[in-house]
Amino acid sequence: MKKVSELNATNSKTLFAEINGRKIGYRSIGKGDPIILCQRFRGNLDDWDPAFLDALSKNYNVITFDYTGFASSTGEPPTNMLLFANDVADLAEALNLKKIIVGG
């Protein structure tokens, strides 16, 4: 496995967090304060611009993910904004992150 410093947006692997009976697919690159990036509602991990993610990863631990029920994540897709937001909180908790930056 590559070192964290060698991972970038084009070679990072999709990992999975087990959360309340569903799997959330995510990728993580870089070091520093964690920033969880939220995609548009039907977006997925592959929609991000790799150059943008690599630039952010110079100063942050950049985490991108698929919402519940989309792309590599399992479960029923969210039907309201609160459920979309819950995915961010659930993923942060599953990754044991106490403080995060949320972007999107």
PDB file of N, CA and C in Angstrom:
ATOM      1  N   MET A   1       0.850  -1.186   0.000  1.00  0.00           N
ATOM      2  CA  MET A   1       0.000   0.000   0.000  1.00  0.00           C
ATOM      3  C   MET A   1       0.890   1.242   0.000  1.00  0.00           C
ATOM      4  N   LYS A   2       0.453   2.242  -0.729  1.00  0.00           N
ATOM      5  CA  LYS A   2       1.226   3.481  -0.817  1.00  0.00           C
ATOM      6  C   LYS A   2       1.128   4.256   0.490  1.00  0.00           C
ATOM      7  N   LYS A   3       2.176   5.040   0.767  1.00  0.00           N
ATOM      8  CA  LYS A   3       2.153   5.930   1.916  1.00  0.00           C
ATOM      9  C   LYS A   3       1.122   7.023   1.662  1.00  0.00           C
ATOM     10  N   VAL A   4       0.578   7.584   2.746  1.00  0.00           N
ATOM     11  CA  VAL A   4      -0.413   8.649   2.620  1.00  0.00           C
ATOM     12  C   VAL A   4       0.119   9.772   1.745  1.00  0.00           C
ATOM     13  N   SER A   5       1.394  10.116   1.902  1.00  0.00           N
ATOM     14  CA  SER A   5       1.959  11.226   1.132  1.00  0.00           C
ATOM     15  C   SER A   5       2.051  10.910  -0.360  1.00  0.00           C
ATOM     16  N   GLU A   6       2.029   9.622  -0.742  1.00  0.00           N
ATOM     17  CA  GLU A   6       2.101   9.231  -2.139  1.00  0.00           C
ATOM     18  C   GLU A   6       0.723   9.123  -2.780  1.00  0.00           C
ATOM     19  N   LEU A   7      -0.316   9.103  -1.971  1.00  0.00           N
ATOM     20  CA  LEU A   7      -1.661   8.999  -2.518  1.00  0.00           C
ATOM     21  C   LEU A   7      -2.093  10.332  -3.094  1.00  0.00           C
ATOM     22  N   ASN A   8      -2.794  10.261  -4.203  1.00  0.00           N
ATOM     23  CA  ASN A   8      -3.373  11.467  -4.766  1.00  0.00           C
ATOM     24  C   ASN A   8      -4.763  11.137  -5.285  1.00  0.00           C
ATOM     25  N   ALA A   9      -5.397  12.101  -5.903  1.00  0.00           N
ATOM     26  CA  ALA A   9      -6.788  11.928  -6.317  1.00  0.00           C
ATOM     27  C   ALA A   9      -6.964  10.854  -7.383  1.00  0.00           C
ATOM     28  N   THR A  10      -5.907  10.540  -8.110  1.00  0.00           N
ATOM     29  CA  THR A  10      -6.056   9.543  -9.167  1.00  0.00           C
ATOM     30  C   THR A  10      -5.614   8.138  -8.769  1.00  0.00           C
ATOM     31  N   ASN A  11      -4.950   7.984  -7.626  1.00  0.00           N
ATOM     32  CA  ASN A  11      -4.525   6.641  -7.240  1.00  0.00           C
ATOM     33  C   ASN A  11      -5.035   6.197  -5.867  1.00  0.00           C
ATOM     34  N   SER A  12      -5.848   7.001  -5.223  1.00  0.00           N
ATOM     35  CA  SER A  12      -6.383   6.587  -3.920  1.00  0.00           C
ATOM     36  C   SER A  12      -7.479   5.554  -4.132  1.00  0.00           C
ATOM     37  N   LYS A  13      -7.578   4.641  -3.202  1.00  0.00           N
ATOM     38  CA  LYS A  13      -8.564   3.568  -3.292  1.00  0.00           C
ATOM     39  C   LYS A  13      -9.848   3.977  -2.572  1.00  0.00           C
ATOM     40  N   THR A  14     -10.943   3.423  -3.038  1.00  0.00           N
ATOM     41  CA  THR A  14     -12.217   3.630  -2.355  1.00  0.00           C
ATOM     42  C   THR A  14     -12.257   2.723  -1.139  1.00  0.00           C
ATOM     43  N   LEU A  15     -12.477   3.320   0.012  1.00  0.00           N
ATOM     44  CA  LEU A  15     -12.601   2.604   1.278  1.00  0.00           C
ATOM     45  C   LEU A  15     -14.072   2.630   1.679  1.00  0.00           C
ATOM     46  N   PHE A  16     -14.426   1.850   2.695  1.00  0.00           N
ATOM     47  CA  PHE A  16     -15.818   1.794   3.128  1.00  0.00           C
ATOM     48  C   PHE A  16     -15.925   1.897   4.639  1.00  0.00           C
ATOM     49  N   ALA A  17     -16.845   2.732   5.085  1.00  0.00           N
ATOM     50  CA  ALA A  17     -17.158   2.855   6.510  1.00  0.00           C
ATOM     51  C   ALA A  17     -18.504   2.163   6.730  1.00  0.00           C
ATOM     52  N   GLU A  18     -18.538   1.245   7.675  1.00  0.00           N
ATOM     53  CA  GLU A  18     -19.774   0.547   8.036  1.00  0.00           C
ATOM     54  C   GLU A  18     -20.522   1.416   9.030  1.00  0.00           C
ATOM     55  N   ILE A  19     -21.724   1.858   8.642  1.00  0.00           N
ATOM     56  CA  ILE A  19     -22.484   2.781   9.479  1.00  0.00           C
ATOM     57  C   ILE A  19     -23.946   2.342   9.515  1.00  0.00           C
ATOM     58  N   ASN A  20     -24.411   1.927  10.660  1.00  0.00           N
ATOM     59  CA  ASN A  20     -25.826   1.590  10.845  1.00  0.00           C
ATOM     60  C   ASN A  20     -26.392   0.715   9.730  1.00  0.00           C
ATOM     61  N   GLY A  21     -25.694  -0.365   9.388  1.00  0.00           N
ATOM     62  CA  GLY A  21     -26.186  -1.308   8.396  1.00  0.00           C
ATOM     63  C   GLY A  21     -25.985  -0.904   6.949  1.00  0.00           C
ATOM     64  N   ARG A  22     -25.249   0.165   6.714  1.00  0.00           N
ATOM     65  CA  ARG A  22     -24.953   0.557   5.341  1.00  0.00           C
ATOM     66  C   ARG A  22     -23.457   0.827   5.215  1.00  0.00           C
ATOM     67  N   LYS A  23     -22.987   0.837   3.977  1.00  0.00           N
ATOM     68  CA  LYS A  23     -21.583   1.136   3.707  1.00  0.00           C
ATOM     69  C   LYS A  23     -21.507   2.470   2.981  1.00  0.00           C
ATOM     70  N   ILE A  24     -20.658   3.357   3.488  1.00  0.00           N
ATOM     71  CA  ILE A  24     -20.403   4.635   2.837  1.00  0.00           C
ATOM     72  C   ILE A  24     -19.033   4.534   2.172  1.00  0.00           C
ATOM     73  N   GLY A  25     -19.014   4.668   0.851  1.00  0.00           N
ATOM     74  CA  GLY A  25     -17.758   4.668   0.115  1.00  0.00           C
ATOM     75  C   GLY A  25     -17.095   6.032   0.240  1.00  0.00           C
ATOM     76  N   TYR A  26     -15.786   6.033   0.504  1.00  0.00           N
ATOM     77  CA  TYR A  26     -15.062   7.301   0.633  1.00  0.00           C
ATOM     78  C   TYR A  26     -13.620   7.130   0.199  1.00  0.00           C
ATOM     79  N   ARG A  27     -12.969   8.246  -0.059  1.00  0.00           N
ATOM     80  CA  ARG A  27     -11.532   8.286  -0.346  1.00  0.00           C
ATOM     81  C   ARG A  27     -10.903   9.364   0.521  1.00  0.00           C
ATOM     82  N   SER A  28      -9.652   9.154   0.869  1.00  0.00           N
ATOM     83  CA  SER A  28      -8.950  10.074   1.755  1.00  0.00           C
ATOM     84  C   SER A  28      -7.528  10.276   1.242  1.00  0.00           C
ATOM     85  N   ILE A  29      -7.147  11.546   1.054  1.00  0.00           N
ATOM     86  CA  ILE A  29      -5.778  11.868   0.642  1.00  0.00           C
ATOM     87  C   ILE A  29      -5.278  13.059   1.448  1.00  0.00           C
ATOM     88  N   GLY A  30      -3.969  13.149   1.583  1.00  0.00           N
ATOM     89  CA  GLY A  30      -3.348  14.295   2.231  1.00  0.00           C
ATOM     90  C   GLY A  30      -3.267  14.182   3.739  1.00  0.00           C
ATOM     91  N   LYS A  31      -2.618  15.168   4.319  1.00  0.00           N
ATOM     92  CA  LYS A  31      -2.450  15.247   5.764  1.00  0.00           C
ATOM     93  C   LYS A  31      -2.876  16.624   6.232  1.00  0.00           C
ATOM     94  N   GLY A  32      -3.237  16.695   7.483  1.00  0.00           N
ATOM     95  CA  GLY A  32      -3.650  17.977   8.057  1.00  0.00           C
ATOM     96  C   GLY A  32      -5.054  17.864   8.611  1.00  0.00           C
ATOM     97  N   ASP A  33      -5.658  19.005   8.869  1.00  0.00           N
ATOM     98  CA  ASP A  33      -7.025  19.012   9.378  1.00  0.00           C
ATOM     99  C   ASP A  33      -7.942  18.340   8.362  1.00  0.00           C
ATOM    100  N   PRO A  34      -8.886  17.526   8.847  1.00  0.00           N
ATOM    101  CA  PRO A  34      -9.781  16.844   7.915  1.00  0.00           C
ATOM    102  C   PRO A  34     -10.829  17.787   7.326  1.00  0.00           C
ATOM    103  N   ILE A  35     -10.995  17.684   6.009  1.00  0.00           N
ATOM    104  CA  ILE A  35     -12.036  18.417   5.320  1.00  0.00           C
ATOM    105  C   ILE A  35     -12.873  17.390   4.550  1.00  0.00           C
ATOM    106  N   ILE A  36     -14.154  17.346   4.851  1.00  0.00           N
ATOM    107  CA  ILE A  36     -15.070  16.450   4.149  1.00  0.00           C
ATOM    108  C   ILE A  36     -15.784  17.272   3.095  1.00  0.00           C
ATOM    109  N   LEU A  37     -15.620  16.852   1.850  1.00  0.00           N
ATOM    110  CA  LEU A  37     -16.224  17.576   0.734  1.00  0.00           C
ATOM    111  C   LEU A  37     -17.535  16.907   0.324  1.00  0.00           C
ATOM    112  N   CYS A  38     -18.574  17.699   0.256  1.00  0.00           N
ATOM    113  CA  CYS A  38     -19.905  17.222  -0.125  1.00  0.00           C
ATOM    114  C   CYS A  38     -20.127  17.481  -1.605  1.00  0.00           C
ATOM    115  N   GLN A  39     -20.566  16.476  -2.292  1.00  0.00           N
ATOM    116  CA  GLN A  39     -20.828  16.541  -3.722  1.00  0.00           C
ATOM    117  C   GLN A  39     -22.252  17.033  -3.951  1.00  0.00           C
ATOM    118  N   ARG A  40     -22.554  17.435  -5.172  1.00  0.00           N
ATOM    119  CA  ARG A  40     -23.941  17.747  -5.512  1.00  0.00           C
ATOM    120  C   ARG A  40     -24.787  16.513  -5.211  1.00  0.00           C
ATOM    121  N   PHE A  41     -26.071  16.660  -5.167  1.00  0.00           N
ATOM    122  CA  PHE A  41     -26.942  15.615  -4.640  1.00  0.00           C
ATOM    123  C   PHE A  41     -26.825  14.266  -5.340  1.00  0.00           C
ATOM    124  N   ARG A  42     -26.605  14.232  -6.621  1.00  0.00           N
ATOM    125  CA  ARG A  42     -26.470  12.943  -7.296  1.00  0.00           C
ATOM    126  C   ARG A  42     -25.036  12.712  -7.770  1.00  0.00           C
ATOM    127  N   GLY A  43     -24.103  13.493  -7.244  1.00  0.00           N
ATOM    128  CA  GLY A  43     -22.708  13.349  -7.617  1.00  0.00           C
ATOM    129  C   GLY A  43     -22.078  12.138  -6.954  1.00  0.00           C
ATOM    130  N   ASN A  44     -20.878  11.783  -7.412  1.00  0.00           N
ATOM    131  CA  ASN A  44     -20.176  10.654  -6.799  1.00  0.00           C
ATOM    132  C   ASN A  44     -18.682  10.955  -6.719  1.00  0.00           C
ATOM    133  N   LEU A  45     -17.944  10.018  -6.174  1.00  0.00           N
ATOM    134  CA  LEU A  45     -16.515  10.192  -5.943  1.00  0.00           C
ATOM    135  C   LEU A  45     -15.733  10.579  -7.200  1.00  0.00           C
ATOM    136  N   ASP A  46     -16.151  10.108  -8.342  1.00  0.00           N
ATOM    137  CA  ASP A  46     -15.403  10.346  -9.569  1.00  0.00           C
ATOM    138  C   ASP A  46     -15.725  11.674 -10.234  1.00  0.00           C
ATOM    139  N   ASP A  47     -16.638  12.454  -9.672  1.00  0.00           N
ATOM    140  CA  ASP A  47     -17.000  13.743 -10.249  1.00  0.00           C
ATOM    141  C   ASP A  47     -16.072  14.882  -9.829  1.00  0.00           C
ATOM    142  N   TRP A  48     -15.209  14.658  -8.851  1.00  0.00           N
ATOM    143  CA  TRP A  48     -14.324  15.720  -8.379  1.00  0.00           C
ATOM    144  C   TRP A  48     -13.166  15.928  -9.345  1.00  0.00           C
ATOM    145  N   ASP A  49     -12.712  17.166  -9.464  1.00  0.00           N
ATOM    146  CA  ASP A  49     -11.553  17.513 -10.280  1.00  0.00           C
ATOM    147  C   ASP A  49     -10.297  17.062  -9.513  1.00  0.00           C
ATOM    148  N   PRO A  50      -9.531  16.112 -10.051  1.00  0.00           N
ATOM    149  CA  PRO A  50      -8.343  15.624  -9.342  1.00  0.00           C
ATOM    150  C   PRO A  50      -7.338  16.721  -8.997  1.00  0.00           C
ATOM    151  N   ALA A  51      -7.161  17.699  -9.870  1.00  0.00           N
ATOM    152  CA  ALA A  51      -6.207  18.782  -9.587  1.00  0.00           C
ATOM    153  C   ALA A  51      -6.656  19.596  -8.378  1.00  0.00           C
ATOM    154  N   PHE A  52      -7.955  19.827  -8.258  1.00  0.00           N
ATOM    155  CA  PHE A  52      -8.509  20.550  -7.102  1.00  0.00           C
ATOM    156  C   PHE A  52      -8.257  19.773  -5.815  1.00  0.00           C
ATOM    157  N   LEU A  53      -8.561  18.467  -5.840  1.00  0.00           N
ATOM    158  CA  LEU A  53      -8.358  17.642  -4.640  1.00  0.00           C
ATOM    159  C   LEU A  53      -6.885  17.573  -4.260  1.00  0.00           C
ATOM    160  N   ASP A  54      -6.009  17.406  -5.249  1.00  0.00           N
ATOM    161  CA  ASP A  54      -4.574  17.336  -4.958  1.00  0.00           C
ATOM    162  C   ASP A  54      -4.057  18.646  -4.370  1.00  0.00           C
ATOM    163  N   ALA A  55      -4.563  19.776  -4.866  1.00  0.00           N
ATOM    164  CA  ALA A  55      -4.148  21.071  -4.309  1.00  0.00           C
ATOM    165  C   ALA A  55      -4.586  21.196  -2.851  1.00  0.00           C
ATOM    166  N   LEU A  56      -5.821  20.814  -2.554  1.00  0.00           N
ATOM    167  CA  LEU A  56      -6.299  20.859  -1.169  1.00  0.00           C
ATOM    168  C   LEU A  56      -5.508  19.913  -0.264  1.00  0.00           C
ATOM    169  N   SER A  57      -5.117  18.762  -0.806  1.00  0.00           N
ATOM    170  CA  SER A  57      -4.455  17.742   0.015  1.00  0.00           C
ATOM    171  C   SER A  57      -3.051  18.151   0.455  1.00  0.00           C
ATOM    172  N   LYS A  58      -2.534  19.238  -0.079  1.00  0.00           N
ATOM    173  CA  LYS A  58      -1.230  19.731   0.377  1.00  0.00           C
ATOM    174  C   LYS A  58      -1.314  20.273   1.795  1.00  0.00           C
ATOM    175  N   ASN A  59      -2.518  20.698   2.211  1.00  0.00           N
ATOM    176  CA  ASN A  59      -2.696  21.275   3.538  1.00  0.00           C
ATOM    177  C   ASN A  59      -3.760  20.594   4.391  1.00  0.00           C
ATOM    178  N   TYR A  60      -4.529  19.710   3.782  1.00  0.00           N
ATOM    179  CA  TYR A  60      -5.646  19.074   4.488  1.00  0.00           C
ATOM    180  C   TYR A  60      -5.697  17.580   4.204  1.00  0.00           C
ATOM    181  N   ASN A  61      -6.333  16.857   5.118  1.00  0.00           N
ATOM    182  CA  ASN A  61      -6.741  15.473   4.865  1.00  0.00           C
ATOM    183  C   ASN A  61      -8.090  15.579   4.154  1.00  0.00           C
ATOM    184  N   VAL A  62      -8.094  15.410   2.847  1.00  0.00           N
ATOM    185  CA  VAL A  62      -9.281  15.603   2.017  1.00  0.00           C
ATOM    186  C   VAL A  62     -10.058  14.292   1.929  1.00  0.00           C
ATOM    187  N   ILE A  63     -11.309  14.351   2.339  1.00  0.00           N
ATOM    188  CA  ILE A  63     -12.176  13.171   2.334  1.00  0.00           C
ATOM    189  C   ILE A  63     -13.361  13.455   1.422  1.00  0.00           C
ATOM    190  N   THR A  64     -13.513  12.621   0.402  1.00  0.00           N
ATOM    191  CA  THR A  64     -14.676  12.691  -0.473  1.00  0.00           C
ATOM    192  C   THR A  64     -15.470  11.414  -0.271  1.00  0.00           C
ATOM    193  N   PHE A  65     -16.763  11.446  -0.553  1.00  0.00           N
ATOM    194  CA  PHE A  65     -17.586  10.270  -0.275  1.00  0.00           C
ATOM    195  C   PHE A  65     -18.793  10.222  -1.195  1.00  0.00           C
ATOM    196  N   ASP A  66     -19.418   9.052  -1.241  1.00  0.00           N
ATOM    197  CA  ASP A  66     -20.686   8.862  -1.941  1.00  0.00           C
ATOM    198  C   ASP A  66     -21.796   8.856  -0.909  1.00  0.00           C
ATOM    199  N   TYR A  67     -22.832   9.650  -1.162  1.00  0.00           N
ATOM    200  CA  TYR A  67     -23.986   9.647  -0.258  1.00  0.00           C
ATOM    201  C   TYR A  67     -24.615   8.256  -0.205  1.00  0.00           C
ATOM    202  N   THR A  68     -25.304   7.974   0.873  1.00  0.00           N
ATOM    203  CA  THR A  68     -26.023   6.716   1.032  1.00  0.00           C
ATOM    204  C   THR A  68     -26.898   6.455  -0.195  1.00  0.00           C
ATOM    205  N   GLY A  69     -26.771   5.231  -0.723  1.00  0.00           N
ATOM    206  CA  GLY A  69     -27.603   4.821  -1.847  1.00  0.00           C
ATOM    207  C   GLY A  69     -27.125   5.261  -3.213  1.00  0.00           C
ATOM    208  N   PHE A  70     -25.983   5.965  -3.292  1.00  0.00           N
ATOM    209  CA  PHE A  70     -25.453   6.416  -4.574  1.00  0.00           C
ATOM    210  C   PHE A  70     -24.089   5.786  -4.824  1.00  0.00           C
ATOM    211  N   ALA A  71     -23.824   5.469  -6.083  1.00  0.00           N
ATOM    212  CA  ALA A  71     -22.531   4.960  -6.544  1.00  0.00           C
ATOM    213  C   ALA A  71     -22.060   3.788  -5.676  1.00  0.00           C
ATOM    214  N   SER A  72     -20.952   3.933  -4.955  1.00  0.00           N
ATOM    215  CA  SER A  72     -20.392   2.810  -4.204  1.00  0.00           C
ATOM    216  C   SER A  72     -20.995   2.620  -2.808  1.00  0.00           C
ATOM    217  N   SER A  73     -21.867   3.511  -2.383  1.00  0.00           N
ATOM    218  CA  SER A  73     -22.480   3.409  -1.049  1.00  0.00           C
ATOM    219  C   SER A  73     -23.792   2.623  -1.125  1.00  0.00           C
ATOM    220  N   THR A  74     -24.098   1.928  -0.050  1.00  0.00           N
ATOM    221  CA  THR A  74     -25.326   1.137   0.003  1.00  0.00           C
ATOM    222  C   THR A  74     -26.388   1.870   0.815  1.00  0.00           C
ATOM    223  N   GLY A  75     -27.589   1.325   0.822  1.00  0.00           N
ATOM    224  CA  GLY A  75     -28.684   1.893   1.602  1.00  0.00           C
ATOM    225  C   GLY A  75     -29.665   2.650   0.728  1.00  0.00           C
ATOM    226  N   GLU A  76     -30.678   3.190   1.370  1.00  0.00           N
ATOM    227  CA  GLU A  76     -31.710   3.962   0.677  1.00  0.00           C
ATOM    228  C   GLU A  76     -31.230   5.398   0.484  1.00  0.00           C
ATOM    229  N   PRO A  77     -31.330   5.926  -0.726  1.00  0.00           N
ATOM    230  CA  PRO A  77     -30.902   7.309  -0.957  1.00  0.00           C
ATOM    231  C   PRO A  77     -31.666   8.289  -0.073  1.00  0.00           C
ATOM    232  N   PRO A  78     -31.013   9.353   0.369  1.00  0.00           N
ATOM    233  CA  PRO A  78     -31.687  10.366   1.183  1.00  0.00           C
ATOM    234  C   PRO A  78     -32.856  11.002   0.433  1.00  0.00           C
ATOM    235  N   THR A  79     -33.863  11.400   1.204  1.00  0.00           N
ATOM    236  CA  THR A  79     -35.046  12.037   0.611  1.00  0.00           C
ATOM    237  C   THR A  79     -35.220  13.477   1.073  1.00  0.00           C
ATOM    238  N   ASN A  80     -34.328  13.930   1.963  1.00  0.00           N
ATOM    239  CA  ASN A  80     -34.398  15.320   2.404  1.00  0.00           C
ATOM    240  C   ASN A  80     -33.002  15.787   2.829  1.00  0.00           C
ATOM    241  N   MET A  81     -32.862  17.078   2.996  1.00  0.00           N
ATOM    242  CA  MET A  81     -31.549  17.661   3.299  1.00  0.00           C
ATOM    243  C   MET A  81     -30.943  17.146   4.606  1.00  0.00           C
ATOM    244  N   LEU A  82     -31.760  16.915   5.599  1.00  0.00           N
ATOM    245  CA  LEU A  82     -31.249  16.419   6.875  1.00  0.00           C
ATOM    246  C   LEU A  82     -30.572  15.060   6.701  1.00  0.00           C
ATOM    247  N   LEU A  83     -31.149  14.196   5.889  1.00  0.00           N
ATOM    248  CA  LEU A  83     -30.555  12.877   5.668  1.00  0.00           C
ATOM    249  C   LEU A  83     -29.235  12.975   4.911  1.00  0.00           C
ATOM    250  N   PHE A  84     -29.150  13.899   3.947  1.00  0.00           N
ATOM    251  CA  PHE A  84     -27.864  14.125   3.275  1.00  0.00           C
ATOM    252  C   PHE A  84     -26.829  14.580   4.302  1.00  0.00           C
ATOM    253  N   ALA A  85     -27.200  15.511   5.157  1.00  0.00           N
ATOM    254  CA  ALA A  85     -26.286  16.040   6.178  1.00  0.00           C
ATOM    255  C   ALA A  85     -25.883  14.957   7.172  1.00  0.00           C
ATOM    256  N   ASN A  86     -26.797  14.046   7.472  1.00  0.00           N
ATOM    257  CA  ASN A  86     -26.474  12.960   8.396  1.00  0.00           C
ATOM    258  C   ASN A  86     -25.319  12.109   7.885  1.00  0.00           C
ATOM    259  N   ASP A  87     -25.214  11.942   6.565  1.00  0.00           N
ATOM    260  CA  ASP A  87     -24.107  11.165   6.019  1.00  0.00           C
ATOM    261  C   ASP A  87     -22.762  11.775   6.399  1.00  0.00           C
ATOM    262  N   VAL A  88     -22.670  13.091   6.385  1.00  0.00           N
ATOM    263  CA  VAL A  88     -21.419  13.766   6.756  1.00  0.00           C
ATOM    264  C   VAL A  88     -21.101  13.496   8.226  1.00  0.00           C
ATOM    265  N   ALA A  89     -22.075  13.695   9.091  1.00  0.00           N
ATOM    266  CA  ALA A  89     -21.869  13.473  10.529  1.00  0.00           C
ATOM    267  C   ALA A  89     -21.556  12.008  10.813  1.00  0.00           C
ATOM    268  N   ASP A  90     -22.280  11.103  10.167  1.00  0.00           N
ATOM    269  CA  ASP A  90     -22.042   9.671  10.379  1.00  0.00           C
ATOM    270  C   ASP A  90     -20.655   9.255   9.918  1.00  0.00           C
ATOM    271  N   LEU A  91     -20.224   9.776   8.767  1.00  0.00           N
ATOM    272  CA  LEU A  91     -18.894   9.432   8.266  1.00  0.00           C
ATOM    273  C   LEU A  91     -17.814   9.981   9.191  1.00  0.00           C
ATOM    274  N   ALA A  92     -17.954  11.211   9.635  1.00  0.00           N
ATOM    275  CA  ALA A  92     -16.977  11.798  10.562  1.00  0.00           C
ATOM    276  C   ALA A  92     -16.876  10.960  11.833  1.00  0.00           C
ATOM    277  N   GLU A  93     -18.017  10.536  12.345  1.00  0.00           N
ATOM    278  CA  GLU A  93     -18.005   9.704  13.558  1.00  0.00           C
ATOM    279  C   GLU A  93     -17.347   8.355  13.291  1.00  0.00           C
ATOM    280  N   ALA A  94     -17.667   7.726  12.163  1.00  0.00           N
ATOM    281  CA  ALA A  94     -17.092   6.422  11.831  1.00  0.00           C
ATOM    282  C   ALA A  94     -15.575   6.505  11.671  1.00  0.00           C
ATOM    283  N   LEU A  95     -15.082   7.641  11.196  1.00  0.00           N
ATOM    284  CA  LEU A  95     -13.641   7.837  11.016  1.00  0.00           C
ATOM    285  C   LEU A  95     -12.976   8.409  12.264  1.00  0.00           C
ATOM    286  N   ASN A  96     -13.767   8.545  13.329  1.00  0.00           N
ATOM    287  CA  ASN A  96     -13.275   9.045  14.614  1.00  0.00           C
ATOM    288  C   ASN A  96     -12.678  10.459  14.496  1.00  0.00           C
ATOM    289  N   LEU A  97     -13.348  11.289  13.712  1.00  0.00           N
ATOM    290  CA  LEU A  97     -12.907  12.667  13.551  1.00  0.00           C
ATOM    291  C   LEU A  97     -13.705  13.551  14.505  1.00  0.00           C
ATOM    292  N   LYS A  98     -13.021  14.235  15.372  1.00  0.00           N
ATOM    293  CA  LYS A  98     -13.683  15.063  16.387  1.00  0.00           C
ATOM    294  C   LYS A  98     -14.040  16.450  15.876  1.00  0.00           C
ATOM    295  N   LYS A  99     -13.235  16.954  14.937  1.00  0.00           N
ATOM    296  CA  LYS A  99     -13.447  18.286  14.395  1.00  0.00           C
ATOM    297  C   LYS A  99     -13.178  18.216  12.904  1.00  0.00           C
ATOM    298  N   ILE A 100     -14.107  18.733  12.103  1.00  0.00           N
ATOM    299  CA  ILE A 100     -13.949  18.673  10.654  1.00  0.00           C
ATOM    300  C   ILE A 100     -14.274  20.023  10.018  1.00  0.00           C
ATOM    301  N   ILE A 101     -13.793  20.189   8.829  1.00  0.00           N
ATOM    302  CA  ILE A 101     -14.212  21.285   7.959  1.00  0.00           C
ATOM    303  C   ILE A 101     -15.125  20.644   6.931  1.00  0.00           C
ATOM    304  N   VAL A 102     -16.252  21.267   6.638  1.00  0.00           N
ATOM    305  CA  VAL A 102     -17.176  20.755   5.632  1.00  0.00           C
ATOM    306  C   VAL A 102     -17.159  21.709   4.459  1.00  0.00           C
ATOM    307  N   GLY A 103     -16.985  21.163   3.278  1.00  0.00           N
ATOM    308  CA  GLY A 103     -16.993  21.984   2.076  1.00  0.00           C
ATOM    309  C   GLY A 103     -17.803  21.316   0.991  1.00  0.00           C
ATOM    310  N   GLY A 104     -18.078  22.079  -0.033  1.00  0.00           N
ATOM    311  CA  GLY A 104     -18.815  21.479  -1.150  1.00  0.00           C
ATOM    312  C   GLY A 104     -19.319  22.543  -2.076  1.00  0.00           C
TER     313      GLY A 104
END
